Amino acid sequence: PAPPFAPPPAAARPVPADPALASLYDYDAFLAPGSSAPAARAKPRSPPRSKYISGLLSAAAERERERERVEERGVQRERAKEQAEGEFLDKEKFVTAAYAERLREMEEDE
């Protein structure tokens, strides 16, 4: 069923005897020429922006960086301990470019 506020279909509309009443069901006639709906006249709206999400995301990123720093400090302590014991002195050290970049970024942040 049609909603109660919808205009009746064209076939069901009565034809008024008075020509002044002929535009009775022409609801969009009051609009500016060329537009067919009130939405066409409305100013386009920008999408809504969240008030707090940017702060939450930056706080989460900072917590992630701090967690990585703590983890890296633990790894460095473990390496220093192993080096002091002489456990891996005869082994080669491999450092990837990505890891070296991460270490450099962490030093810059501190």
PDB file of N, CA and C in Angstrom:
ATOM      1  N   PRO A   1       0.821  -1.181   0.000  1.00  0.00           N
ATOM      2  CA  PRO A   1       0.000   0.000   0.000  1.00  0.00           C
ATOM      3  C   PRO A   1       0.871   1.254   0.000  1.00  0.00           C
ATOM      4  N   ALA A   2       0.374   2.283  -0.647  1.00  0.00           N
ATOM      5  CA  ALA A   2       1.072   3.558  -0.738  1.00  0.00           C
ATOM      6  C   ALA A   2       0.984   4.291   0.591  1.00  0.00           C
ATOM      7  N   PRO A   3       2.002   5.063   0.919  1.00  0.00           N
ATOM      8  CA  PRO A   3       1.934   5.836   2.165  1.00  0.00           C
ATOM      9  C   PRO A   3       0.799   6.853   2.084  1.00  0.00           C
ATOM     10  N   PRO A   4       0.241   7.256   3.208  1.00  0.00           N
ATOM     11  CA  PRO A   4      -0.917   8.147   3.201  1.00  0.00           C
ATOM     12  C   PRO A   4      -0.623   9.532   2.632  1.00  0.00           C
ATOM     13  N   PHE A   5       0.621   9.946   2.600  1.00  0.00           N
ATOM     14  CA  PHE A   5       0.951  11.291   2.127  1.00  0.00           C
ATOM     15  C   PHE A   5       1.279  11.331   0.644  1.00  0.00           C
ATOM     16  N   ALA A   6       1.289  10.218  -0.038  1.00  0.00           N
ATOM     17  CA  ALA A   6       1.615  10.181  -1.460  1.00  0.00           C
ATOM     18  C   ALA A   6       0.429  10.680  -2.273  1.00  0.00           C
ATOM     19  N   PRO A   7       0.679  11.392  -3.367  1.00  0.00           N
ATOM     20  CA  PRO A   7      -0.435  11.845  -4.203  1.00  0.00           C
ATOM     21  C   PRO A   7      -1.065  10.648  -4.913  1.00  0.00           C
ATOM     22  N   PRO A   8      -2.321  10.730  -5.204  1.00  0.00           N
ATOM     23  CA  PRO A   8      -2.973   9.611  -5.883  1.00  0.00           C
ATOM     24  C   PRO A   8      -2.412   9.444  -7.287  1.00  0.00           C
ATOM     25  N   PRO A   9      -2.430   8.247  -7.821  1.00  0.00           N
ATOM     26  CA  PRO A   9      -1.946   8.034  -9.184  1.00  0.00           C
ATOM     27  C   PRO A   9      -2.746   8.893 -10.173  1.00  0.00           C
ATOM     28  N   ALA A  10      -2.148   9.170 -11.317  1.00  0.00           N
ATOM     29  CA  ALA A  10      -2.775  10.062 -12.296  1.00  0.00           C
ATOM     30  C   ALA A  10      -4.127   9.544 -12.744  1.00  0.00           C
ATOM     31  N   ALA A  11      -4.280   8.247 -12.885  1.00  0.00           N
ATOM     32  CA  ALA A  11      -5.546   7.683 -13.358  1.00  0.00           C
ATOM     33  C   ALA A  11      -6.658   7.862 -12.317  1.00  0.00           C
ATOM     34  N   ALA A  12      -6.298   7.871 -11.041  1.00  0.00           N
ATOM     35  CA  ALA A  12      -7.292   7.965  -9.983  1.00  0.00           C
ATOM     36  C   ALA A  12      -7.631   9.413  -9.631  1.00  0.00           C
ATOM     37  N   ARG A  13      -6.900  10.365 -10.173  1.00  0.00           N
ATOM     38  CA  ARG A  13      -7.146  11.768  -9.854  1.00  0.00           C
ATOM     39  C   ARG A  13      -8.437  12.247 -10.528  1.00  0.00           C
ATOM     40  N   PRO A  14      -9.265  12.916  -9.771  1.00  0.00           N
ATOM     41  CA  PRO A  14     -10.471  13.455 -10.394  1.00  0.00           C
ATOM     42  C   PRO A  14     -10.121  14.667 -11.257  1.00  0.00           C
ATOM     43  N   VAL A  15     -10.808  14.831 -12.322  1.00  0.00           N
ATOM     44  CA  VAL A  15     -10.587  15.976 -13.205  1.00  0.00           C
ATOM     45  C   VAL A  15     -11.508  17.101 -12.724  1.00  0.00           C
ATOM     46  N   PRO A  16     -10.915  18.187 -12.205  1.00  0.00           N
ATOM     47  CA  PRO A  16     -11.766  19.261 -11.694  1.00  0.00           C
ATOM     48  C   PRO A  16     -12.425  20.037 -12.845  1.00  0.00           C
ATOM     49  N   ALA A  17     -13.615  20.537 -12.583  1.00  0.00           N
ATOM     50  CA  ALA A  17     -14.347  21.298 -13.591  1.00  0.00           C
ATOM     51  C   ALA A  17     -13.748  22.687 -13.751  1.00  0.00           C
ATOM     52  N   ASP A  18     -13.235  23.225 -12.695  1.00  0.00           N
ATOM     53  CA  ASP A  18     -12.636  24.565 -12.728  1.00  0.00           C
ATOM     54  C   ASP A  18     -11.183  24.455 -13.192  1.00  0.00           C
ATOM     55  N   PRO A  19     -10.752  25.168 -14.269  1.00  0.00           N
ATOM     56  CA  PRO A  19      -9.363  25.091 -14.724  1.00  0.00           C
ATOM     57  C   PRO A  19      -8.355  25.610 -13.695  1.00  0.00           C
ATOM     58  N   ALA A  20      -8.763  26.436 -12.787  1.00  0.00           N
ATOM     59  CA  ALA A  20      -7.856  26.937 -11.742  1.00  0.00           C
ATOM     60  C   ALA A  20      -7.447  25.820 -10.800  1.00  0.00           C
ATOM     61  N   LEU A  21      -8.310  24.821 -10.669  1.00  0.00           N
ATOM     62  CA  LEU A  21      -8.008  23.691  -9.787  1.00  0.00           C
ATOM     63  C   LEU A  21      -7.255  22.576 -10.515  1.00  0.00           C
ATOM     64  N   ALA A  22      -6.948  22.752 -11.782  1.00  0.00           N
ATOM     65  CA  ALA A  22      -6.283  21.709 -12.556  1.00  0.00           C
ATOM     66  C   ALA A  22      -4.873  21.413 -12.031  1.00  0.00           C
ATOM     67  N   SER A  23      -4.278  22.411 -11.420  1.00  0.00           N
ATOM     68  CA  SER A  23      -2.920  22.192 -10.898  1.00  0.00           C
ATOM     69  C   SER A  23      -2.933  21.778  -9.435  1.00  0.00           C
ATOM     70  N   LEU A  24      -4.055  21.260  -8.982  1.00  0.00           N
ATOM     71  CA  LEU A  24      -4.198  20.883  -7.577  1.00  0.00           C
ATOM     72  C   LEU A  24      -3.175  19.822  -7.167  1.00  0.00           C
ATOM     73  N   TYR A  25      -2.901  18.841  -8.017  1.00  0.00           N
ATOM     74  CA  TYR A  25      -1.974  17.767  -7.676  1.00  0.00           C
ATOM     75  C   TYR A  25      -0.564  18.019  -8.214  1.00  0.00           C
ATOM     76  N   ASP A  26      -0.318  19.182  -8.755  1.00  0.00           N
ATOM     77  CA  ASP A  26       1.009  19.518  -9.266  1.00  0.00           C
ATOM     78  C   ASP A  26       1.826  20.109  -8.119  1.00  0.00           C
ATOM     79  N   TYR A  27       2.318  19.237  -7.241  1.00  0.00           N
ATOM     80  CA  TYR A  27       2.998  19.678  -6.024  1.00  0.00           C
ATOM     81  C   TYR A  27       4.336  20.360  -6.305  1.00  0.00           C
ATOM     82  N   ASP A  28       4.977  20.003  -7.399  1.00  0.00           N
ATOM     83  CA  ASP A  28       6.307  20.535  -7.671  1.00  0.00           C
ATOM     84  C   ASP A  28       6.283  21.808  -8.511  1.00  0.00           C
ATOM     85  N   ALA A  29       5.121  22.343  -8.803  1.00  0.00           N
ATOM     86  CA  ALA A  29       5.034  23.535  -9.651  1.00  0.00           C
ATOM     87  C   ALA A  29       5.630  24.759  -8.977  1.00  0.00           C
ATOM     88  N   PHE A  30       5.656  24.777  -7.666  1.00  0.00           N
ATOM     89  CA  PHE A  30       6.181  25.950  -6.960  1.00  0.00           C
ATOM     90  C   PHE A  30       7.709  26.003  -6.987  1.00  0.00           C
ATOM     91  N   LEU A  31       8.349  24.927  -7.417  1.00  0.00           N
ATOM     92  CA  LEU A  31       9.808  24.897  -7.461  1.00  0.00           C
ATOM     93  C   LEU A  31      10.330  25.743  -8.608  1.00  0.00           C
ATOM     94  N   ALA A  32      11.615  26.041  -8.539  1.00  0.00           N
ATOM     95  CA  ALA A  32      12.247  26.806  -9.611  1.00  0.00           C
ATOM     96  C   ALA A  32      12.171  26.010 -10.905  1.00  0.00           C
ATOM     97  N   PRO A  33      12.090  26.690 -12.042  1.00  0.00           N
ATOM     98  CA  PRO A  33      12.035  25.955 -13.307  1.00  0.00           C
ATOM     99  C   PRO A  33      13.299  25.108 -13.497  1.00  0.00           C
ATOM    100  N   GLY A  34      13.115  23.925 -13.981  1.00  0.00           N
ATOM    101  CA  GLY A  34      14.243  23.025 -14.238  1.00  0.00           C
ATOM    102  C   GLY A  34      14.513  22.076 -13.099  1.00  0.00           C
ATOM    103  N   SER A  35      14.003  22.360 -11.913  1.00  0.00           N
ATOM    104  CA  SER A  35      14.213  21.428 -10.804  1.00  0.00           C
ATOM    105  C   SER A  35      12.911  20.681 -10.571  1.00  0.00           C
ATOM    106  N   SER A  36      13.026  19.440 -10.210  1.00  0.00           N
ATOM    107  CA  SER A  36      11.822  18.643 -10.050  1.00  0.00           C
ATOM    108  C   SER A  36      11.599  18.195  -8.614  1.00  0.00           C
ATOM    109  N   ALA A  37      12.523  18.513  -7.728  1.00  0.00           N
ATOM    110  CA  ALA A  37      12.367  18.091  -6.339  1.00  0.00           C
ATOM    111  C   ALA A  37      13.040  19.103  -5.425  1.00  0.00           C
ATOM    112  N   PRO A  38      12.576  19.205  -4.198  1.00  0.00           N
ATOM    113  CA  PRO A  38      13.220  20.125  -3.262  1.00  0.00           C
ATOM    114  C   PRO A  38      14.689  19.779  -3.032  1.00  0.00           C
ATOM    115  N   ALA A  39      15.055  18.508  -3.142  1.00  0.00           N
ATOM    116  CA  ALA A  39      16.450  18.106  -2.939  1.00  0.00           C
ATOM    117  C   ALA A  39      17.347  18.705  -4.012  1.00  0.00           C
ATOM    118  N   ALA A  40      16.789  18.990  -5.179  1.00  0.00           N
ATOM    119  CA  ALA A  40      17.594  19.566  -6.258  1.00  0.00           C
ATOM    120  C   ALA A  40      18.015  20.986  -5.898  1.00  0.00           C
ATOM    121  N   ARG A  41      17.216  21.671  -5.094  1.00  0.00           N
ATOM    122  CA  ARG A  41      17.549  23.033  -4.692  1.00  0.00           C
ATOM    123  C   ARG A  41      18.475  23.065  -3.486  1.00  0.00           C
ATOM    124  N   ALA A  42      18.477  22.018  -2.720  1.00  0.00           N
ATOM    125  CA  ALA A  42      19.250  21.997  -1.486  1.00  0.00           C
ATOM    126  C   ALA A  42      20.742  22.016  -1.775  1.00  0.00           C
ATOM    127  N   LYS A  43      21.481  22.648  -0.887  1.00  0.00           N
ATOM    128  CA  LYS A  43      22.929  22.704  -1.010  1.00  0.00           C
ATOM    129  C   LYS A  43      23.507  21.336  -0.659  1.00  0.00           C
ATOM    130  N   PRO A  44      24.437  20.825  -1.468  1.00  0.00           N
ATOM    131  CA  PRO A  44      25.009  19.511  -1.144  1.00  0.00           C
ATOM    132  C   PRO A  44      25.763  19.579   0.187  1.00  0.00           C
ATOM    133  N   ARG A  45      25.560  18.559   0.995  1.00  0.00           N
ATOM    134  CA  ARG A  45      26.176  18.535   2.321  1.00  0.00           C
ATOM    135  C   ARG A  45      27.440  17.690   2.290  1.00  0.00           C
ATOM    136  N   SER A  46      28.408  18.124   3.035  1.00  0.00           N
ATOM    137  CA  SER A  46      29.625  17.324   3.158  1.00  0.00           C
ATOM    138  C   SER A  46      29.331  16.169   4.111  1.00  0.00           C
ATOM    139  N   PRO A  47      30.042  15.067   3.972  1.00  0.00           N
ATOM    140  CA  PRO A  47      29.780  13.941   4.867  1.00  0.00           C
ATOM    141  C   PRO A  47      30.107  14.340   6.307  1.00  0.00           C
ATOM    142  N   PRO A  48      29.378  13.821   7.257  1.00  0.00           N
ATOM    143  CA  PRO A  48      29.622  14.192   8.653  1.00  0.00           C
ATOM    144  C   PRO A  48      31.001  13.718   9.112  1.00  0.00           C
ATOM    145  N   ARG A  49      31.638  14.546   9.893  1.00  0.00           N
ATOM    146  CA  ARG A  49      32.965  14.203  10.411  1.00  0.00           C
ATOM    147  C   ARG A  49      32.836  13.848  11.885  1.00  0.00           C
ATOM    148  N   SER A  50      33.561  12.847  12.262  1.00  0.00           N
ATOM    149  CA  SER A  50      33.534  12.426  13.649  1.00  0.00           C
ATOM    150  C   SER A  50      34.279  13.440  14.506  1.00  0.00           C
ATOM    151  N   LYS A  51      33.780  13.620  15.688  1.00  0.00           N
ATOM    152  CA  LYS A  51      34.353  14.620  16.574  1.00  0.00           C
ATOM    153  C   LYS A  51      35.619  14.100  17.270  1.00  0.00           C
ATOM    154  N   TYR A  52      35.641  12.834  17.621  1.00  0.00           N
ATOM    155  CA  TYR A  52      36.703  12.307  18.477  1.00  0.00           C
ATOM    156  C   TYR A  52      37.604  11.280  17.812  1.00  0.00           C
ATOM    157  N   ILE A  53      37.263  10.782  16.624  1.00  0.00           N
ATOM    158  CA  ILE A  53      37.997   9.650  16.051  1.00  0.00           C
ATOM    159  C   ILE A  53      39.440  10.002  15.755  1.00  0.00           C
ATOM    160  N   SER A  54      39.734  11.230  15.338  1.00  0.00           N
ATOM    161  CA  SER A  54      41.122  11.587  15.031  1.00  0.00           C
ATOM    162  C   SER A  54      41.979  11.520  16.293  1.00  0.00           C
ATOM    163  N   GLY A  55      41.438  11.960  17.414  1.00  0.00           N
ATOM    164  CA  GLY A  55      42.175  11.877  18.681  1.00  0.00           C
ATOM    165  C   GLY A  55      42.390  10.443  19.113  1.00  0.00           C
ATOM    166  N   LEU A  56      41.368   9.615  18.920  1.00  0.00           N
ATOM    167  CA  LEU A  56      41.493   8.207  19.286  1.00  0.00           C
ATOM    168  C   LEU A  56      42.539   7.503  18.426  1.00  0.00           C
ATOM    169  N   LEU A  57      42.530   7.805  17.137  1.00  0.00           N
ATOM    170  CA  LEU A  57      43.503   7.170  16.240  1.00  0.00           C
ATOM    171  C   LEU A  57      44.926   7.605  16.564  1.00  0.00           C
ATOM    172  N   SER A  58      45.121   8.883  16.856  1.00  0.00           N
ATOM    173  CA  SER A  58      46.479   9.339  17.176  1.00  0.00           C
ATOM    174  C   SER A  58      46.949   8.753  18.506  1.00  0.00           C
ATOM    175  N   ALA A  59      46.041   8.627  19.480  1.00  0.00           N
ATOM    176  CA  ALA A  59      46.415   8.016  20.761  1.00  0.00           C
ATOM    177  C   ALA A  59      46.766   6.541  20.568  1.00  0.00           C
ATOM    178  N   ALA A  60      46.016   5.845  19.712  1.00  0.00           N
ATOM    179  CA  ALA A  60      46.306   4.431  19.457  1.00  0.00           C
ATOM    180  C   ALA A  60      47.650   4.280  18.759  1.00  0.00           C
ATOM    181  N   ALA A  61      47.952   5.181  17.824  1.00  0.00           N
ATOM    182  CA  ALA A  61      49.245   5.126  17.133  1.00  0.00           C
ATOM    183  C   ALA A  61      50.386   5.380  18.113  1.00  0.00           C
ATOM    184  N   GLU A  62      50.200   6.319  19.022  1.00  0.00           N
ATOM    185  CA  GLU A  62      51.233   6.611  20.030  1.00  0.00           C
ATOM    186  C   GLU A  62      51.434   5.413  20.955  1.00  0.00           C
ATOM    187  N   ARG A  63      50.355   4.767  21.371  1.00  0.00           N
ATOM    188  CA  ARG A  63      50.482   3.569  22.215  1.00  0.00           C
ATOM    189  C   ARG A  63      51.223   2.457  21.477  1.00  0.00           C
ATOM    190  N   GLU A  64      50.937   2.306  20.177  1.00  0.00           N
ATOM    191  CA  GLU A  64      51.617   1.283  19.376  1.00  0.00           C
ATOM    192  C   GLU A  64      53.115   1.587  19.283  1.00  0.00           C
ATOM    193  N   ARG A  65      53.462   2.849  19.059  1.00  0.00           N
ATOM    194  CA  ARG A  65      54.889   3.226  18.998  1.00  0.00           C
ATOM    195  C   ARG A  65      55.580   2.965  20.335  1.00  0.00           C
ATOM    196  N   GLU A  66      54.903   3.302  21.426  1.00  0.00           N
ATOM    197  CA  GLU A  66      55.494   3.078  22.752  1.00  0.00           C
ATOM    198  C   GLU A  66      55.660   1.577  23.015  1.00  0.00           C
ATOM    199  N   ARG A  67      54.688   0.760  22.613  1.00  0.00           N
ATOM    200  CA  ARG A  67      54.802  -0.680  22.791  1.00  0.00           C
ATOM    201  C   ARG A  67      55.989  -1.232  22.006  1.00  0.00           C
ATOM    202  N   GLU A  68      56.187  -0.723  20.771  1.00  0.00           N
ATOM    203  CA  GLU A  68      57.331  -1.158  19.966  1.00  0.00           C
ATOM    204  C   GLU A  68      58.651  -0.731  20.612  1.00  0.00           C
ATOM    205  N   ARG A  69      58.678   0.485  21.193  1.00  0.00           N
ATOM    206  CA  ARG A  69      59.902   0.938  21.874  1.00  0.00           C
ATOM    207  C   ARG A  69      60.248   0.032  23.049  1.00  0.00           C
ATOM    208  N   VAL A  70      59.244  -0.313  23.846  1.00  0.00           N
ATOM    209  CA  VAL A  70      59.466  -1.181  25.009  1.00  0.00           C
ATOM    210  C   VAL A  70      59.967  -2.545  24.544  1.00  0.00           C
ATOM    211  N   GLU A  71      59.331  -3.080  23.511  1.00  0.00           N
ATOM    212  CA  GLU A  71      59.749  -4.378  22.990  1.00  0.00           C
ATOM    213  C   GLU A  71      61.187  -4.315  22.465  1.00  0.00           C
ATOM    214  N   GLU A  72      61.518  -3.248  21.749  1.00  0.00           N
ATOM    215  CA  GLU A  72      62.868  -3.110  21.191  1.00  0.00           C
ATOM    216  C   GLU A  72      63.913  -2.947  22.299  1.00  0.00           C
ATOM    217  N   ARG A  73      63.558  -2.207  23.357  1.00  0.00           N
ATOM    218  CA  ARG A  73      64.504  -2.079  24.474  1.00  0.00           C
ATOM    219  C   ARG A  73      64.776  -3.433  25.110  1.00  0.00           C
ATOM    220  N   GLY A  74      63.746  -4.276  25.229  1.00  0.00           N
ATOM    221  CA  GLY A  74      63.939  -5.625  25.776  1.00  0.00           C
ATOM    222  C   GLY A  74      64.851  -6.453  24.890  1.00  0.00           C
ATOM    223  N   VAL A  75      64.666  -6.344  23.584  1.00  0.00           N
ATOM    224  CA  VAL A  75      65.518  -7.081  22.643  1.00  0.00           C
ATOM    225  C   VAL A  75      66.956  -6.585  22.741  1.00  0.00           C
ATOM    226  N   GLN A  76      67.146  -5.266  22.841  1.00  0.00           N
ATOM    227  CA  GLN A  76      68.497  -4.711  22.959  1.00  0.00           C
ATOM    228  C   GLN A  76      69.183  -5.187  24.247  1.00  0.00           C
ATOM    229  N   ARG A  77      68.417  -5.224  25.357  1.00  0.00           N
ATOM    230  CA  ARG A  77      68.989  -5.715  26.613  1.00  0.00           C
ATOM    231  C   ARG A  77      69.420  -7.177  26.480  1.00  0.00           C
ATOM    232  N   GLU A  78      68.572  -7.963  25.832  1.00  0.00           N
ATOM    233  CA  GLU A  78      68.887  -9.383  25.632  1.00  0.00           C
ATOM    234  C   GLU A  78      70.132  -9.540  24.766  1.00  0.00           C
ATOM    235  N   ARG A  79      70.247  -8.726  23.715  1.00  0.00           N
ATOM    236  CA  ARG A  79      71.439  -8.787  22.861  1.00  0.00           C
ATOM    237  C   ARG A  79      72.702  -8.378  23.617  1.00  0.00           C
ATOM    238  N   ALA A  80      72.589  -7.339  24.434  1.00  0.00           N
ATOM    239  CA  ALA A  80      73.748  -6.892  25.213  1.00  0.00           C
ATOM    240  C   ALA A  80      74.192  -7.988  26.175  1.00  0.00           C
ATOM    241  N   LYS A  81      73.242  -8.662  26.777  1.00  0.00           N
ATOM    242  CA  LYS A  81      73.553  -9.752  27.705  1.00  0.00           C
ATOM    243  C   LYS A  81      74.259 -10.890  26.965  1.00  0.00           C
ATOM    244  N   GLU A  82      73.735 -11.252  25.777  1.00  0.00           N
ATOM    245  CA  GLU A  82      74.348 -12.320  24.995  1.00  0.00           C
ATOM    246  C   GLU A  82      75.755 -11.931  24.547  1.00  0.00           C
ATOM    247  N   GLN A  83      75.939 -10.665  24.193  1.00  0.00           N
ATOM    248  CA  GLN A  83      77.252 -10.210  23.745  1.00  0.00           C
ATOM    249  C   GLN A  83      78.250 -10.211  24.908  1.00  0.00           C
ATOM    250  N   ALA A  84      77.764  -9.836  26.105  1.00  0.00           N
ATOM    251  CA  ALA A  84      78.640  -9.837  27.277  1.00  0.00           C
ATOM    252  C   ALA A  84      79.077 -11.262  27.626  1.00  0.00           C
ATOM    253  N   GLU A  85      78.216 -12.207  27.410  1.00  0.00           N
ATOM    254  CA  GLU A  85      78.550 -13.603  27.687  1.00  0.00           C
ATOM    255  C   GLU A  85      79.393 -14.207  26.571  1.00  0.00           C
ATOM    256  N   GLY A  86      79.452 -13.524  25.422  1.00  0.00           N
ATOM    257  CA  GLY A  86      80.232 -14.027  24.304  1.00  0.00           C
ATOM    258  C   GLY A  86      79.561 -15.180  23.587  1.00  0.00           C
ATOM    259  N   GLU A  87      78.242 -15.247  23.692  1.00  0.00           N
ATOM    260  CA  GLU A  87      77.513 -16.392  23.169  1.00  0.00           C
ATOM    261  C   GLU A  87      77.525 -16.465  21.635  1.00  0.00           C
ATOM    262  N   PHE A  88      77.377 -15.323  20.963  1.00  0.00           N
ATOM    263  CA  PHE A  88      77.273 -15.331  19.504  1.00  0.00           C
ATOM    264  C   PHE A  88      78.394 -14.524  18.842  1.00  0.00           C
ATOM    265  N   LEU A  89      79.536 -14.463  19.449  1.00  0.00           N
ATOM    266  CA  LEU A  89      80.632 -13.663  18.888  1.00  0.00           C
ATOM    267  C   LEU A  89      81.143 -14.235  17.565  1.00  0.00           C
ATOM    268  N   ASP A  90      81.057 -15.532  17.384  1.00  0.00           N
ATOM    269  CA  ASP A  90      81.559 -16.135  16.154  1.00  0.00           C
ATOM    270  C   ASP A  90      80.523 -16.158  15.036  1.00  0.00           C
ATOM    271  N   LYS A  91      79.345 -15.605  15.273  1.00  0.00           N
ATOM    272  CA  LYS A  91      78.268 -15.601  14.266  1.00  0.00           C
ATOM    273  C   LYS A  91      78.218 -14.249  13.545  1.00  0.00           C
ATOM    274  N   GLU A  92      77.715 -14.279  12.288  1.00  0.00           N
ATOM    275  CA  GLU A  92      77.536 -13.048  11.524  1.00  0.00           C
ATOM    276  C   GLU A  92      76.275 -12.324  12.001  1.00  0.00           C
ATOM    277  N   LYS A  93      76.296 -10.984  11.863  1.00  0.00           N
ATOM    278  CA  LYS A  93      75.118 -10.189  12.215  1.00  0.00           C
ATOM    279  C   LYS A  93      74.450  -9.737  10.931  1.00  0.00           C
ATOM    280  N   PHE A  94      73.146  -9.955  10.839  1.00  0.00           N
ATOM    281  CA  PHE A  94      72.376  -9.538   9.675  1.00  0.00           C
ATOM    282  C   PHE A  94      71.348  -8.503  10.112  1.00  0.00           C
ATOM    283  N   VAL A  95      71.341  -7.381   9.435  1.00  0.00           N
ATOM    284  CA  VAL A  95      70.362  -6.336   9.705  1.00  0.00           C
ATOM    285  C   VAL A  95      69.725  -5.961   8.367  1.00  0.00           C
ATOM    286  N   THR A  96      68.416  -6.151   8.270  1.00  0.00           N
ATOM    287  CA  THR A  96      67.734  -5.811   7.024  1.00  0.00           C
ATOM    288  C   THR A  96      67.570  -4.302   6.919  1.00  0.00           C
ATOM    289  N   ALA A  97      67.336  -3.830   5.713  1.00  0.00           N
ATOM    290  CA  ALA A  97      67.155  -2.397   5.485  1.00  0.00           C
ATOM    291  C   ALA A  97      65.914  -1.886   6.226  1.00  0.00           C
ATOM    292  N   ALA A  98      64.867  -2.675   6.246  1.00  0.00           N
ATOM    293  CA  ALA A  98      63.637  -2.260   6.924  1.00  0.00           C
ATOM    294  C   ALA A  98      63.862  -2.140   8.429  1.00  0.00           C
ATOM    295  N   TYR A  99      64.610  -3.089   9.008  1.00  0.00           N
ATOM    296  CA  TYR A  99      64.887  -3.033  10.435  1.00  0.00           C
ATOM    297  C   TYR A  99      65.781  -1.844  10.761  1.00  0.00           C
ATOM    298  N   ALA A 100      66.780  -1.591   9.934  1.00  0.00           N
ATOM    299  CA  ALA A 100      67.652  -0.439  10.149  1.00  0.00           C
ATOM    300  C   ALA A 100      66.850   0.859  10.070  1.00  0.00           C
ATOM    301  N   GLU A 101      65.917   0.934   9.129  1.00  0.00           N
ATOM    302  CA  GLU A 101      65.054   2.114   8.996  1.00  0.00           C
ATOM    303  C   GLU A 101      64.193   2.293  10.243  1.00  0.00           C
ATOM    304  N   ARG A 102      63.655   1.187  10.755  1.00  0.00           N
ATOM    305  CA  ARG A 102      62.832   1.246  11.964  1.00  0.00           C
ATOM    306  C   ARG A 102      63.645   1.709  13.162  1.00  0.00           C
ATOM    307  N   LEU A 103      64.873   1.209  13.282  1.00  0.00           N
ATOM    308  CA  LEU A 103      65.737   1.650  14.385  1.00  0.00           C
ATOM    309  C   LEU A 103      66.040   3.142  14.276  1.00  0.00           C
ATOM    310  N   ARG A 104      66.287   3.612  13.053  1.00  0.00           N
ATOM    311  CA  ARG A 104      66.582   5.030  12.853  1.00  0.00           C
ATOM    312  C   ARG A 104      65.368   5.889  13.222  1.00  0.00           C
ATOM    313  N   GLU A 105      64.175   5.453  12.836  1.00  0.00           N
ATOM    314  CA  GLU A 105      62.957   6.193  13.169  1.00  0.00           C
ATOM    315  C   GLU A 105      62.723   6.226  14.672  1.00  0.00           C
ATOM    316  N   MET A 106      63.003   5.111  15.353  1.00  0.00           N
ATOM    317  CA  MET A 106      62.822   5.074  16.797  1.00  0.00           C
ATOM    318  C   MET A 106      63.791   6.009  17.507  1.00  0.00           C
ATOM    319  N   GLU A 107      65.029   6.110  16.989  1.00  0.00           N
ATOM    320  CA  GLU A 107      66.006   7.023  17.570  1.00  0.00           C
ATOM    321  C   GLU A 107      65.567   8.471  17.374  1.00  0.00           C
ATOM    322  N   GLU A 108      64.980   8.776  16.211  1.00  0.00           N
ATOM    323  CA  GLU A 108      64.504  10.131  15.948  1.00  0.00           C
ATOM    324  C   GLU A 108      63.340  10.491  16.856  1.00  0.00           C
ATOM    325  N   ASP A 109      62.466   9.534  17.160  1.00  0.00           N
ATOM    326  CA  ASP A 109      61.321   9.805  18.013  1.00  0.00           C
ATOM    327  C   ASP A 109      61.720  10.102  19.451  1.00  0.00           C
ATOM    328  N   GLU A 110      62.802   9.499  19.897  1.00  0.00           N
ATOM    329  CA  GLU A 110      63.227   9.685  21.301  1.00  0.00           C
ATOM    330  C   GLU A 110      63.984  10.931  21.509  1.00  0.00           C
TER     331      GLU A 110
END
